[in-house]
Protein backbone atom coordinates (compact mmCIF):
# COMPACT_ATOMS: atom_id res chain seq x y z
CA UNK A 1 14.37 13.73 7.12
CA UNK A 2 17.13 16.34 7.31
CA UNK A 3 16.59 20.04 6.65
CA UNK A 4 18.55 21.83 3.98
CA UNK A 5 20.99 24.31 5.47
CA UNK A 6 22.02 26.06 2.28
CA UNK A 7 21.67 26.04 -1.49
CA UNK A 8 24.59 27.79 -3.17
CA UNK A 9 24.97 28.41 -6.87
CA UNK A 10 28.01 29.42 -8.90
CA UNK A 11 28.17 30.84 -12.42
CA UNK A 12 31.21 29.40 -14.13
CA UNK A 13 32.65 29.64 -17.62
CA UNK A 14 31.82 28.88 -20.30
CA UNK A 15 28.04 28.98 -19.54
CA UNK A 16 27.27 26.69 -16.63
CA UNK A 17 25.54 27.06 -13.28
CA UNK A 18 26.76 24.73 -10.54
CA UNK A 19 24.63 24.14 -7.44
CA UNK A 20 25.77 22.88 -4.04
CA UNK A 21 23.17 21.67 -1.53
CA UNK A 22 24.25 21.22 2.10
CA UNK A 23 22.12 19.85 4.94
CA UNK A 24 22.24 20.58 8.66
CA UNK A 25 24.50 17.60 9.26
CA UNK A 26 27.10 18.88 6.83
CA UNK A 27 26.34 16.39 4.08
CA UNK A 28 26.33 17.91 0.63
CA UNK A 29 25.86 17.20 -3.03
CA UNK A 30 26.54 18.97 -6.30
CA UNK A 31 24.16 19.53 -9.18
CA UNK A 32 23.95 21.59 -12.32
CA UNK A 33 21.15 24.09 -12.83
CA UNK A 34 22.08 25.35 -16.27
CA UNK A 35 19.04 26.08 -18.44
CA UNK A 36 20.53 26.95 -21.83
CA UNK A 37 20.74 30.73 -21.58
CA UNK A 38 18.23 31.21 -18.77
CA UNK A 39 20.53 30.92 -15.78
CA UNK A 40 19.14 34.09 -14.17
CA UNK A 41 15.70 32.45 -14.02
CA UNK A 42 17.23 29.40 -12.36
CA UNK A 43 19.08 31.58 -9.87
CA UNK A 44 15.85 33.37 -8.98
CA UNK A 45 14.09 30.07 -8.41
CA UNK A 46 16.92 28.83 -6.21
CA UNK A 47 16.85 32.01 -4.14
CA UNK A 48 13.09 31.68 -3.70
CA UNK A 49 13.24 28.01 -2.69
CA UNK A 50 16.45 28.11 -0.70
CA UNK A 51 14.93 27.27 2.68
CA UNK A 52 11.85 25.33 1.66
CA UNK A 53 13.30 21.95 0.87
CA UNK A 54 14.24 18.94 2.92
CA UNK A 55 16.53 16.16 1.86
CA UNK A 56 15.19 12.61 1.92
CA UNK A 57 17.57 10.11 3.45
CA UNK A 58 16.70 7.22 1.21
CA UNK A 59 19.28 4.73 2.51
CA UNK A 60 18.00 5.05 6.08
CA UNK A 61 14.39 4.63 4.93
CA UNK A 62 15.30 1.46 3.08
CA UNK A 63 17.31 0.14 6.00
CA UNK A 64 14.52 0.74 8.53
CA UNK A 65 11.99 -1.06 6.33
CA UNK A 66 14.28 -4.04 5.92
CA UNK A 67 14.99 -4.10 9.65
CA UNK A 68 11.29 -4.24 10.53
CA UNK A 69 10.79 -7.15 8.16
CA UNK A 70 13.75 -8.97 9.71
CA UNK A 71 12.26 -8.51 13.18
CA UNK A 72 8.94 -10.03 12.11
CA UNK A 73 10.62 -12.92 10.33
CA UNK A 74 12.69 -13.59 13.46
CA UNK A 75 9.40 -14.36 15.26
CA UNK A 76 8.75 -17.16 12.78
CA UNK A 77 6.03 -15.24 10.95
CA UNK A 78 5.50 -14.49 7.29
CA UNK A 79 4.92 -10.87 6.37
CA UNK A 80 3.52 -9.02 3.41
CA UNK A 81 4.49 -5.36 3.06
CA UNK A 82 1.88 -2.84 1.93
CA UNK A 83 3.42 0.22 0.24
CA UNK A 84 -0.03 1.62 -0.61
CA UNK A 85 1.26 3.06 -3.86
CA UNK A 86 3.38 5.64 -2.05
CA UNK A 87 6.63 4.78 -3.83
CA UNK A 88 7.89 6.06 -7.13
CA UNK A 89 9.42 3.61 -9.59
CA UNK A 90 13.13 4.12 -8.77
CA UNK A 91 12.55 3.71 -5.04
CA UNK A 92 10.28 0.69 -5.56
CA UNK A 93 13.07 -1.04 -7.49
CA UNK A 94 15.62 -0.28 -4.78
CA UNK A 95 13.35 -1.35 -1.95
CA UNK A 96 12.35 -4.60 -3.64
CA UNK A 97 16.00 -5.45 -4.13
CA UNK A 98 16.80 -4.67 -0.48
CA UNK A 99 13.89 -6.81 0.77
CA UNK A 100 14.50 -9.76 -1.53
CA UNK A 101 16.98 -11.68 0.69
CA UNK A 102 14.38 -11.77 3.49
CA UNK A 103 11.64 -13.30 1.33
CA UNK A 104 8.48 -11.38 2.24
CA UNK A 105 5.21 -13.10 1.41
CA UNK A 106 4.51 -10.30 -1.07
CA UNK A 107 4.86 -6.56 -1.62
CA UNK A 108 1.50 -4.87 -1.96
CA UNK A 109 0.93 -1.90 -4.23
CA UNK A 110 4.60 -1.05 -4.68
CA UNK A 111 3.29 1.28 -7.38
CA UNK A 112 -0.18 2.53 -8.19
CA UNK A 113 -2.02 0.44 -10.77
CA UNK A 114 -2.37 3.54 -12.94
CA UNK A 115 1.25 2.85 -13.92
CA UNK A 116 0.92 -0.58 -15.59
CA UNK A 117 4.14 -0.30 -17.58
CA UNK A 118 6.15 0.50 -14.45
CA UNK A 119 4.56 -2.40 -12.55
CA UNK A 120 5.43 -4.75 -15.38
CA UNK A 121 9.03 -3.54 -15.35
CA UNK A 122 9.26 -4.00 -11.58
CA UNK A 123 7.79 -7.50 -11.79
CA UNK A 124 10.58 -8.46 -14.18
CA UNK A 125 13.32 -7.32 -11.81
CA UNK A 126 12.29 -9.00 -8.53
CA UNK A 127 11.47 -12.49 -7.30
CA UNK A 128 9.14 -11.13 -4.59
CA UNK A 129 5.47 -11.74 -5.46
CA UNK A 130 3.69 -8.50 -6.37
CA UNK A 131 0.18 -7.98 -5.05
CA UNK A 132 -2.46 -5.35 -5.78
CA UNK A 133 -6.08 -5.03 -6.84
CA UNK A 134 -8.08 -3.04 -4.30
CA UNK A 135 -8.31 -0.19 -6.84
CA UNK A 136 -9.42 -2.48 -9.67
CA UNK A 137 -13.14 -3.08 -9.80
CA UNK A 138 -13.97 -5.51 -12.60
CA UNK A 139 -12.48 -8.48 -14.43
CA UNK A 140 -11.76 -6.11 -17.34
CA UNK A 141 -9.71 -3.90 -15.03
CA UNK A 142 -7.48 -6.81 -14.01
CA UNK A 143 -7.25 -8.42 -17.44
CA UNK A 144 -4.27 -6.42 -18.76
CA UNK A 145 -2.20 -7.14 -15.63
CA UNK A 146 -2.89 -10.86 -15.96
CA UNK A 147 -2.04 -10.88 -19.65
CA UNK A 148 1.35 -9.23 -19.17
CA UNK A 149 2.20 -11.34 -16.08
CA UNK A 150 2.85 -8.31 -13.87
CA UNK A 151 0.78 -9.46 -10.87
CA UNK A 152 1.22 -12.57 -8.72
CA UNK A 153 -1.54 -12.04 -6.15
CA UNK A 154 -4.73 -10.14 -6.95
CA UNK A 155 -6.51 -8.39 -4.08
CA UNK A 156 -10.06 -7.54 -5.18
CA UNK A 157 -12.22 -5.86 -2.55
CA UNK A 158 -15.71 -7.33 -2.41
CA UNK A 159 -17.20 -3.96 -1.45
CA UNK A 160 -15.43 -2.21 -4.34
CA UNK A 161 -15.88 -4.84 -7.03
CA UNK A 162 -19.64 -5.19 -6.85
CA UNK A 163 -20.06 -8.07 -4.44
CA UNK A 164 -19.53 -11.81 -4.41
CA UNK A 165 -20.37 -12.45 -8.07
CA UNK A 166 -17.82 -10.12 -9.67
CA UNK A 167 -15.15 -10.96 -7.09
CA UNK A 168 -15.63 -14.63 -7.88
CA UNK A 169 -15.35 -13.92 -11.62
CA UNK A 170 -12.09 -12.05 -11.00
CA UNK A 171 -10.83 -15.06 -9.03
CA UNK A 172 -11.82 -17.42 -11.85
CA UNK A 173 -10.00 -15.30 -14.40
CA UNK A 174 -6.90 -15.10 -12.20
CA UNK A 175 -6.86 -18.89 -11.80
CA UNK A 176 -6.47 -19.27 -15.56
CA UNK A 177 -3.23 -17.26 -15.33
CA UNK A 178 -1.96 -19.07 -12.21
CA UNK A 179 -2.40 -15.93 -10.11
CA UNK A 180 -3.43 -16.09 -6.47
CA UNK A 181 -6.31 -14.29 -4.75
CA UNK A 182 -6.04 -12.49 -1.41
CA UNK A 183 -9.27 -10.51 -0.91
CA UNK A 184 -8.74 -6.98 0.35
CA UNK A 185 -10.94 -6.32 3.38
CA UNK A 186 -10.00 -3.72 6.01
CA UNK A 187 -13.76 -3.38 6.50
CA UNK A 188 -16.59 -4.58 8.72
CA UNK A 189 -18.06 -8.00 9.54
CA UNK A 190 -20.48 -8.20 6.61
CA UNK A 191 -17.81 -7.55 3.98
CA UNK A 192 -15.47 -9.93 5.80
CA UNK A 193 -18.08 -12.70 5.94
CA UNK A 194 -18.76 -12.26 2.22
CA UNK A 195 -15.02 -12.37 1.49
CA UNK A 196 -14.76 -15.64 3.41
CA UNK A 197 -17.46 -17.15 1.21
CA UNK A 198 -15.37 -16.32 -1.86
CA UNK A 199 -12.17 -17.55 -0.24
CA UNK A 200 -13.66 -20.91 0.70
CA UNK A 201 -14.66 -21.75 -2.88
CA UNK A 202 -11.57 -20.34 -4.61
CA UNK A 203 -8.81 -22.87 -5.44
CA UNK A 204 -6.23 -20.10 -5.96
CA UNK A 205 -6.98 -18.41 -2.62
CA UNK A 206 -3.84 -17.32 -0.73
CA UNK A 207 -4.69 -15.33 2.40
CA UNK A 208 -7.56 -13.23 3.75
CA UNK A 209 -7.20 -9.73 5.16
CA UNK A 210 -9.28 -8.91 8.24
CA UNK A 211 -9.65 -5.72 10.28
CA UNK A 212 -9.64 -7.25 13.77
CA UNK A 213 -7.53 -4.91 15.92
CA UNK A 214 -6.80 -2.59 12.98
CA UNK A 215 -5.93 1.01 13.81
CA UNK A 216 -9.21 2.29 12.34
CA UNK A 217 -11.08 0.14 14.85
CA UNK A 218 -8.81 1.06 17.75
CA UNK A 219 -9.51 4.73 17.09
CA UNK A 220 -13.24 3.99 17.48
CA UNK A 221 -12.78 2.93 21.10
CA UNK A 222 -14.40 -0.35 22.09
CA UNK A 223 -15.79 -1.16 18.62
CA UNK A 224 -14.06 -3.88 16.62
CA UNK A 225 -14.77 -6.36 13.84
CA UNK A 226 -16.95 -8.66 15.95
CA UNK A 227 -18.76 -5.99 18.00
CA UNK A 228 -21.91 -5.99 15.85
CA UNK A 229 -22.26 -9.77 15.73
CA UNK A 230 -24.77 -11.72 17.80
CA UNK A 231 -22.30 -14.61 17.99
CA UNK A 232 -18.96 -12.90 18.53
CA UNK A 233 -17.03 -16.16 18.31
CA UNK A 234 -17.81 -16.76 14.63
CA UNK A 235 -14.57 -15.05 13.53
CA UNK A 236 -12.43 -16.54 16.28
CA UNK A 237 -8.91 -17.15 15.02
CA UNK A 238 -7.61 -20.69 15.53
CA UNK A 239 -3.92 -21.23 14.76
CA UNK A 240 -3.96 -18.53 12.12
CA UNK A 241 -7.25 -19.60 10.53
CA UNK A 242 -10.87 -18.50 10.77
CA UNK A 243 -13.26 -21.49 10.63
CA UNK A 244 -15.61 -21.61 7.67
CA UNK A 245 -19.01 -20.16 8.66
CA UNK A 246 -21.70 -22.82 8.90
CA UNK A 247 -24.88 -20.77 9.37
CA UNK A 248 -27.20 -19.84 6.47
CA UNK A 249 -26.44 -16.89 4.21
CA UNK A 250 -23.12 -15.26 4.96
CA UNK A 251 -22.92 -17.24 8.20
CA UNK A 252 -23.38 -14.33 10.61
CA UNK A 253 -26.21 -12.62 12.48
CA UNK A 254 -26.05 -8.84 12.99
CA UNK A 255 -27.01 -7.28 16.32
CA UNK A 256 -29.50 -4.85 14.79
CA UNK A 257 -30.35 -3.15 18.07
CA UNK A 258 -26.71 -2.20 18.62
CA UNK A 259 -26.34 -1.12 14.99
CA UNK A 260 -29.30 1.27 15.29
CA UNK A 261 -27.98 2.67 18.56
CA UNK A 262 -24.43 3.31 17.33
CA UNK A 263 -25.66 4.68 13.98
CA UNK A 264 -27.37 7.59 15.77
CA UNK A 265 -24.08 8.80 17.23
CA UNK A 266 -21.68 8.09 14.35
CA UNK A 267 -20.42 10.84 12.05
CA UNK A 268 -19.42 10.12 8.44
CA UNK A 269 -15.89 8.76 8.22
CA UNK A 270 -13.55 10.79 6.08
CA UNK A 271 -10.29 9.62 4.64
CA UNK A 272 -7.37 11.08 6.53
CA UNK A 273 -5.03 13.40 4.71
CA UNK A 274 -1.46 12.21 4.48
CA UNK A 275 1.39 14.68 4.18
CA UNK A 276 5.02 14.19 3.41
CA UNK A 277 7.74 15.72 5.58
CA UNK A 278 7.92 18.67 3.18
CA UNK A 279 4.21 19.40 3.68
CA UNK A 280 3.10 18.13 0.28
CA UNK A 281 -0.03 15.98 -0.02
CA UNK A 282 0.82 12.31 -0.51
CA UNK A 283 -1.02 9.13 -1.43
CA UNK A 284 -2.91 8.29 1.76
């Protein structure tokens, strides 16, 4: 991000107010702040805000995202990109177009699901599969997105959607619309084991998220996805796959003694606040 160096405004005949914004690198742009007879109010607002704004360098943001995808693809790996709903519609359209030649596996939450019309519009302008669903909790929540063909991969979270039964119903409904399922699960071993049970019996299953090595776990020190398991090899990755659990129930045994010990020294986890470069609160 580049700081704004100056915001200049000019009253010109017949009744217009021109605005010039210049950043610290000397780049500038012109705008028009005319407000139909209230130019003094606009001038006051510009004076008040003159040094509080930063300019977003959208082209460089797009380029850096594309470059990271290219680097991953160069390793021979597929990659899905999670935008976590942080984009607005115009930027989502630009970014999808820039990424399209490099064929990502999917783009996740390019927009928040509270904007169904915008998601539908985006889905009609890109060939990249669109994925979302962690913020949708029932089959009725996902129904409208299936009916208007705006989602390609649904990502229900078994801990959000009420467990195995409702997640399986969502998967069944998605299958009828030829939509894939990729269960959302940046969580612990019990949720992951339950997600695997759904994945194994779902014909339209695509890929399973797991939290092994995720930054949340790294921040906790030596605790990771398999730390609370009696048999820590049950989630061992073999050539990109986790073997289907074979034990009764969810296929795992929890180390209850360790759970009780760690629970005594663990504070409640709170969602981190996420701020934009201008200090405003953003979608985390």
